[in-house]
Amino acid sequence: MDGHAQEGHGRRDARARGVVSLSGVVAVVRRLVACAVLAAGVVAAPAAAPDAVPDVPLVDLGGRPIDLRQARATELIFVAAWCEPCGRALTAARRRAGALRRQGYRTVVVGVGTRESADAFARWARGYGFGDALVFDRDGRIEAAFGAEYLPWHVVIAGGRVVHRGDRAPGLEELRRWLAGG
């Protein structure tokens, strides 16, 4: 499975089970800020280009910073242990990483801080073979910065820009093209 057959766990679908829709909270906050800016007569700075890499620090569970420019292509996968499709996404991501590692591809697994601890997330992700690049998003800043709306959520950064974001992983051919600079 290359990720195309995965079904994401929608944040909006989970409300009945007690999960807060972060995308809804972010939208409300943006509207409130926009109203405050207009009321104050301040002109807001233009938004970053949609393909710009958000300026949010990533630090792995060992306390080491992760530089998104270090690899030729980096896939961030936003997951949670309680999300069933996320386990399948990590299995597929492990295969992609194995197939493309020599070409400069790497995977960073980002655990969302909803309904689980960093330790529980780390144990779960290590069970899928990921141990080095694990990030736990305690406060939702990383999730919000990369526009994660569903779980699993995939973001691919190549050539210093975001080339893919969505609830499905790109295929191997598309990843190879980005790794080649295309």
C-alpha atoms as a PDB file:
ATOM      1  CA  MET A   1       0.000   0.000   0.000  1.00  0.00           C
ATOM      2  CA  ASP A   2       1.464   3.337  -1.015  1.00  0.00           C
ATOM      3  CA  GLY A   3      -0.860   5.451   1.048  1.00  0.00           C
ATOM      4  CA  HIS A   4      -3.426   6.191  -1.658  1.00  0.00           C
ATOM      5  CA  ALA A   5      -5.924   3.656  -0.315  1.00  0.00           C
ATOM      6  CA  GLN A   6      -5.817   4.987   3.229  1.00  0.00           C
ATOM      7  CA  GLU A   7      -8.801   6.632   4.764  1.00  0.00           C
ATOM      8  CA  GLY A   8      -8.034   9.443   7.126  1.00  0.00           C
ATOM      9  CA  HIS A   9      -9.624   9.964  10.498  1.00  0.00           C
ATOM     10  CA  GLY A  10     -11.312  13.318  10.219  1.00  0.00           C
ATOM     11  CA  ARG A  11     -11.049  15.671  13.145  1.00  0.00           C
ATOM     12  CA  ARG A  12     -14.605  16.723  12.455  1.00  0.00           C
ATOM     13  CA  ASP A  13     -15.785  13.095  12.445  1.00  0.00           C
ATOM     14  CA  ALA A  14     -14.459  12.552  15.957  1.00  0.00           C
ATOM     15  CA  ARG A  15     -16.425  15.221  17.822  1.00  0.00           C
ATOM     16  CA  ALA A  16     -18.976  12.744  19.137  1.00  0.00           C
ATOM     17  CA  ARG A  17     -16.118  10.807  20.721  1.00  0.00           C
ATOM     18  CA  GLY A  18     -14.853  13.868  22.570  1.00  0.00           C
ATOM     19  CA  VAL A  19     -12.054  14.998  20.255  1.00  0.00           C
ATOM     20  CA  VAL A  20     -11.822  18.731  19.718  1.00  0.00           C
ATOM     21  CA  SER A  21     -11.673  19.904  16.124  1.00  0.00           C
ATOM     22  CA  LEU A  22      -8.453  21.884  16.060  1.00  0.00           C
ATOM     23  CA  SER A  23      -9.092  23.128  12.547  1.00  0.00           C
ATOM     24  CA  GLY A  24     -12.350  24.676  13.799  1.00  0.00           C
ATOM     25  CA  VAL A  25     -10.595  26.320  16.742  1.00  0.00           C
ATOM     26  CA  VAL A  26      -7.895  27.696  14.442  1.00  0.00           C
ATOM     27  CA  ALA A  27     -10.531  29.108  12.076  1.00  0.00           C
ATOM     28  CA  VAL A  28     -12.339  30.861  14.940  1.00  0.00           C
ATOM     29  CA  VAL A  29      -9.084  32.295  16.301  1.00  0.00           C
ATOM     30  CA  ARG A  30      -8.117  33.554  12.828  1.00  0.00           C
ATOM     31  CA  ARG A  31     -11.483  35.292  12.468  1.00  0.00           C
ATOM     32  CA  LEU A  32     -11.174  36.883  15.906  1.00  0.00           C
ATOM     33  CA  VAL A  33      -7.666  38.125  15.126  1.00  0.00           C
ATOM     34  CA  ALA A  34      -8.821  39.483  11.760  1.00  0.00           C
ATOM     35  CA  CYS A  35     -11.678  41.349  13.472  1.00  0.00           C
ATOM     36  CA  ALA A  36      -9.303  42.758  16.086  1.00  0.00           C
ATOM     37  CA  VAL A  37      -6.871  43.895  13.401  1.00  0.00           C
ATOM     38  CA  LEU A  38      -9.632  45.587  11.408  1.00  0.00           C
ATOM     39  CA  ALA A  39     -11.050  47.227  14.525  1.00  0.00           C
ATOM     40  CA  ALA A  40      -7.618  48.560  15.460  1.00  0.00           C
ATOM     41  CA  GLY A  41      -7.026  49.895  11.963  1.00  0.00           C
ATOM     42  CA  VAL A  42      -3.846  47.868  11.602  1.00  0.00           C
ATOM     43  CA  VAL A  43      -2.945  46.355   8.260  1.00  0.00           C
ATOM     44  CA  ALA A  44      -2.067  42.685   8.561  1.00  0.00           C
ATOM     45  CA  ALA A  45       1.027  41.321   6.869  1.00  0.00           C
ATOM     46  CA  PRO A  46       0.335  39.160   3.831  1.00  0.00           C
ATOM     47  CA  ALA A  47       0.046  35.447   4.540  1.00  0.00           C
ATOM     48  CA  ALA A  48       2.963  33.208   3.681  1.00  0.00           C
ATOM     49  CA  ALA A  49       2.835  31.518   0.301  1.00  0.00           C
ATOM     50  CA  PRO A  50       0.968  28.213   0.469  1.00  0.00           C
ATOM     51  CA  ASP A  51       4.138  26.307  -0.357  1.00  0.00           C
ATOM     52  CA  ALA A  52       6.337  28.054   2.208  1.00  0.00           C
ATOM     53  CA  VAL A  53       7.658  25.835   4.999  1.00  0.00           C
ATOM     54  CA  PRO A  54       6.152  27.078   8.270  1.00  0.00           C
ATOM     55  CA  ASP A  55       8.667  28.568  10.671  1.00  0.00           C
ATOM     56  CA  VAL A  56       7.904  26.285  13.592  1.00  0.00           C
ATOM     57  CA  PRO A  57      10.669  24.531  15.523  1.00  0.00           C
ATOM     58  CA  LEU A  58      10.679  20.739  15.459  1.00  0.00           C
ATOM     59  CA  VAL A  59      12.452  18.950  18.301  1.00  0.00           C
ATOM     60  CA  ASP A  60      12.562  15.163  18.563  1.00  0.00           C
ATOM     61  CA  LEU A  61      11.760  13.288  21.761  1.00  0.00           C
ATOM     62  CA  GLY A  62      15.475  13.183  22.595  1.00  0.00           C
ATOM     63  CA  GLY A  63      15.637  17.004  22.576  1.00  0.00           C
ATOM     64  CA  ARG A  64      17.473  17.273  19.237  1.00  0.00           C
ATOM     65  CA  PRO A  65      16.284  19.891  16.728  1.00  0.00           C
ATOM     66  CA  ILE A  66      15.116  18.628  13.340  1.00  0.00           C
ATOM     67  CA  ASP A  67      16.171  20.713  10.358  1.00  0.00           C
ATOM     68  CA  LEU A  68      13.672  20.251   7.540  1.00  0.00           C
ATOM     69  CA  ARG A  69      16.330  21.338   5.034  1.00  0.00           C
ATOM     70  CA  GLN A  70      18.692  18.529   6.007  1.00  0.00           C
ATOM     71  CA  ALA A  71      17.208  15.863   3.703  1.00  0.00           C
ATOM     72  CA  ARG A  72      16.420  16.240   0.017  1.00  0.00           C
ATOM     73  CA  ALA A  73      12.821  15.379   0.883  1.00  0.00           C
ATOM     74  CA  THR A  74      11.137  14.996   4.260  1.00  0.00           C
ATOM     75  CA  GLU A  75       7.705  13.575   4.914  1.00  0.00           C
ATOM     76  CA  LEU A  76       5.996  14.675   8.109  1.00  0.00           C
ATOM     77  CA  ILE A  77       3.245  12.286   9.144  1.00  0.00           C
ATOM     78  CA  PHE A  78       0.821  13.505  11.800  1.00  0.00           C
ATOM     79  CA  VAL A  79      -0.559  10.505  13.705  1.00  0.00           C
ATOM     80  CA  ALA A  80      -1.950   9.291  17.020  1.00  0.00           C
ATOM     81  CA  ALA A  81      -1.948   5.844  18.590  1.00  0.00           C
ATOM     82  CA  TRP A  82      -5.732   5.934  19.011  1.00  0.00           C
ATOM     83  CA  CYS A  83      -6.215   6.526  15.258  1.00  0.00           C
ATOM     84  CA  GLU A  84      -6.581   3.147  13.527  1.00  0.00           C
ATOM     85  CA  PRO A  85      -5.707   4.373   9.992  1.00  0.00           C
ATOM     86  CA  CYS A  86      -2.540   5.936  11.431  1.00  0.00           C
ATOM     87  CA  GLY A  87      -1.006   2.519  12.083  1.00  0.00           C
ATOM     88  CA  ARG A  88      -1.539   1.557   8.437  1.00  0.00           C
ATOM     89  CA  ALA A  89      -0.049   4.896   7.386  1.00  0.00           C
ATOM     90  CA  LEU A  90       3.097   4.218   9.422  1.00  0.00           C
ATOM     91  CA  THR A  91       3.457   0.750   7.893  1.00  0.00           C
ATOM     92  CA  ALA A  92       3.276   2.279   4.404  1.00  0.00           C
ATOM     93  CA  ALA A  93       5.610   5.122   5.425  1.00  0.00           C
ATOM     94  CA  ARG A  94       8.190   2.614   6.636  1.00  0.00           C
ATOM     95  CA  ARG A  95       8.164   0.960   3.197  1.00  0.00           C
ATOM     96  CA  ARG A  96       8.503   4.340   1.447  1.00  0.00           C
ATOM     97  CA  ALA A  97      11.387   5.300   3.713  1.00  0.00           C
ATOM     98  CA  GLY A  98      13.150   2.015   3.018  1.00  0.00           C
ATOM     99  CA  ALA A  99      12.727   2.385  -0.737  1.00  0.00           C
ATOM    100  CA  LEU A 100      13.879   6.017  -0.876  1.00  0.00           C
ATOM    101  CA  ARG A 101      16.342   6.502   1.994  1.00  0.00           C
ATOM    102  CA  ARG A 102      19.444   6.291  -0.234  1.00  0.00           C
ATOM    103  CA  GLN A 103      18.033   9.084  -2.368  1.00  0.00           C
ATOM    104  CA  GLY A 104      17.883  11.478   0.591  1.00  0.00           C
ATOM    105  CA  TYR A 105      14.337  10.819   1.805  1.00  0.00           C
ATOM    106  CA  ARG A 106      13.384  10.727   5.459  1.00  0.00           C
ATOM    107  CA  THR A 107      10.257  10.483   7.553  1.00  0.00           C
ATOM    108  CA  VAL A 108       9.445  12.481  10.676  1.00  0.00           C
ATOM    109  CA  VAL A 109       6.546  11.094  12.697  1.00  0.00           C
ATOM    110  CA  VAL A 110       4.610  13.787  14.572  1.00  0.00           C
ATOM    111  CA  GLY A 111       2.345  12.607  17.368  1.00  0.00           C
ATOM    112  CA  VAL A 112      -0.596  14.866  18.108  1.00  0.00           C
ATOM    113  CA  GLY A 113      -1.047  15.624  21.780  1.00  0.00           C
ATOM    114  CA  THR A 114      -4.694  14.576  21.942  1.00  0.00           C
ATOM    115  CA  ARG A 115      -5.685  11.793  24.340  1.00  0.00           C
ATOM    116  CA  GLU A 116      -2.174  10.357  24.785  1.00  0.00           C
ATOM    117  CA  SER A 117       1.171  11.086  26.385  1.00  0.00           C
ATOM    118  CA  ALA A 118       4.519  11.490  24.664  1.00  0.00           C
ATOM    119  CA  ASP A 119       5.679   8.192  26.191  1.00  0.00           C
ATOM    120  CA  ALA A 120       2.641   6.276  24.933  1.00  0.00           C
ATOM    121  CA  PHE A 121       3.095   7.807  21.472  1.00  0.00           C
ATOM    122  CA  ALA A 122       6.802   6.892  21.397  1.00  0.00           C
ATOM    123  CA  ARG A 123       6.140   3.258  22.386  1.00  0.00           C
ATOM    124  CA  TRP A 124       3.454   2.981  19.730  1.00  0.00           C
ATOM    125  CA  ALA A 125       5.558   4.570  16.932  1.00  0.00           C
ATOM    126  CA  ARG A 126       8.599   2.451  17.820  1.00  0.00           C
ATOM    127  CA  GLY A 127       6.404  -0.603  17.394  1.00  0.00           C
ATOM    128  CA  TYR A 128       6.125   0.381  13.724  1.00  0.00           C
ATOM    129  CA  GLY A 129       9.893   0.706  13.369  1.00  0.00           C
ATOM    130  CA  PHE A 130      10.239   4.458  13.876  1.00  0.00           C
ATOM    131  CA  GLY A 131      12.605   5.520  16.617  1.00  0.00           C
ATOM    132  CA  ASP A 132      14.802   8.406  15.567  1.00  0.00           C
ATOM    133  CA  ALA A 133      12.687  11.225  14.205  1.00  0.00           C
ATOM    134  CA  LEU A 134       9.730  11.244  16.594  1.00  0.00           C
ATOM    135  CA  VAL A 135       8.179  14.585  17.509  1.00  0.00           C
ATOM    136  CA  PHE A 136       5.341  15.046  19.999  1.00  0.00           C
ATOM    137  CA  ASP A 137       3.158  18.099  19.394  1.00  0.00           C
ATOM    138  CA  ARG A 138       1.992  18.814  22.960  1.00  0.00           C
ATOM    139  CA  ASP A 139       0.229  22.087  22.248  1.00  0.00           C
ATOM    140  CA  GLY A 140      -0.921  21.662  18.630  1.00  0.00           C
ATOM    141  CA  ARG A 141       1.350  24.377  17.200  1.00  0.00           C
ATOM    142  CA  ILE A 142       3.037  22.085  14.683  1.00  0.00           C
ATOM    143  CA  GLU A 143      -0.281  20.578  13.649  1.00  0.00           C
ATOM    144  CA  ALA A 144      -1.778  24.041  13.110  1.00  0.00           C
ATOM    145  CA  ALA A 145       1.289  25.373  11.277  1.00  0.00           C
ATOM    146  CA  PHE A 146       1.183  22.548   8.729  1.00  0.00           C
ATOM    147  CA  GLY A 147      -2.608  22.639   8.362  1.00  0.00           C
ATOM    148  CA  ALA A 148      -3.286  19.117   9.619  1.00  0.00           C
ATOM    149  CA  GLU A 149      -7.028  18.597   9.301  1.00  0.00           C
ATOM    150  CA  TYR A 150      -7.243  14.823   9.482  1.00  0.00           C
ATOM    151  CA  LEU A 151      -5.262  11.927  10.845  1.00  0.00           C
ATOM    152  CA  PRO A 152      -3.116  10.658   9.355  1.00  0.00           C
ATOM    153  CA  TRP A 153      -1.943  13.890   7.685  1.00  0.00           C
ATOM    154  CA  HIS A 154       1.013  13.906   5.287  1.00  0.00           C
ATOM    155  CA  VAL A 155       3.245  16.869   4.469  1.00  0.00           C
ATOM    156  CA  VAL A 156       6.196  16.520   2.093  1.00  0.00           C
ATOM    157  CA  ILE A 157       8.924  19.141   2.004  1.00  0.00           C
ATOM    158  CA  ALA A 158      11.387  19.123  -0.894  1.00  0.00           C
ATOM    159  CA  GLY A 159      13.579  21.824  -2.346  1.00  0.00           C
ATOM    160  CA  GLY A 160      12.868  24.074   0.631  1.00  0.00           C
ATOM    161  CA  ARG A 161       9.106  24.180   0.076  1.00  0.00           C
ATOM    162  CA  VAL A 162       5.980  22.226   0.880  1.00  0.00           C
ATOM    163  CA  VAL A 163       5.205  20.160  -2.215  1.00  0.00           C
ATOM    164  CA  HIS A 164       2.402  18.026  -0.785  1.00  0.00           C
ATOM    165  CA  ARG A 165      -0.072  18.113   2.075  1.00  0.00           C
ATOM    166  CA  GLY A 166      -3.143  15.994   2.578  1.00  0.00           C
ATOM    167  CA  ASP A 167      -4.762  13.000   4.172  1.00  0.00           C
ATOM    168  CA  ARG A 168      -3.040  10.635   1.735  1.00  0.00           C
ATOM    169  CA  ALA A 169       0.611  10.034   1.076  1.00  0.00           C
ATOM    170  CA  PRO A 170       1.991  10.746  -2.382  1.00  0.00           C
ATOM    171  CA  GLY A 171       3.010   7.792  -4.542  1.00  0.00           C
ATOM    172  CA  LEU A 172       6.589   6.593  -4.948  1.00  0.00           C
ATOM    173  CA  GLU A 173       6.929   8.023  -8.464  1.00  0.00           C
ATOM    174  CA  GLU A 174       5.886  11.468  -7.288  1.00  0.00           C
ATOM    175  CA  LEU A 175       8.333  11.258  -4.376  1.00  0.00           C
ATOM    176  CA  ARG A 176      11.148  10.188  -6.729  1.00  0.00           C
ATOM    177  CA  ARG A 177      10.403  13.174  -8.966  1.00  0.00           C
ATOM    178  CA  TRP A 178      10.649  15.563  -5.992  1.00  0.00           C
ATOM    179  CA  LEU A 179      13.863  13.891  -4.856  1.00  0.00           C
ATOM    180  CA  ALA A 180      15.281  14.452  -8.333  1.00  0.00           C
ATOM    181  CA  GLY A 181      14.457  18.147  -8.031  1.00  0.00           C
ATOM    182  CA  GLY A 182      11.331  18.154 -10.190  1.00  0.00           C
END
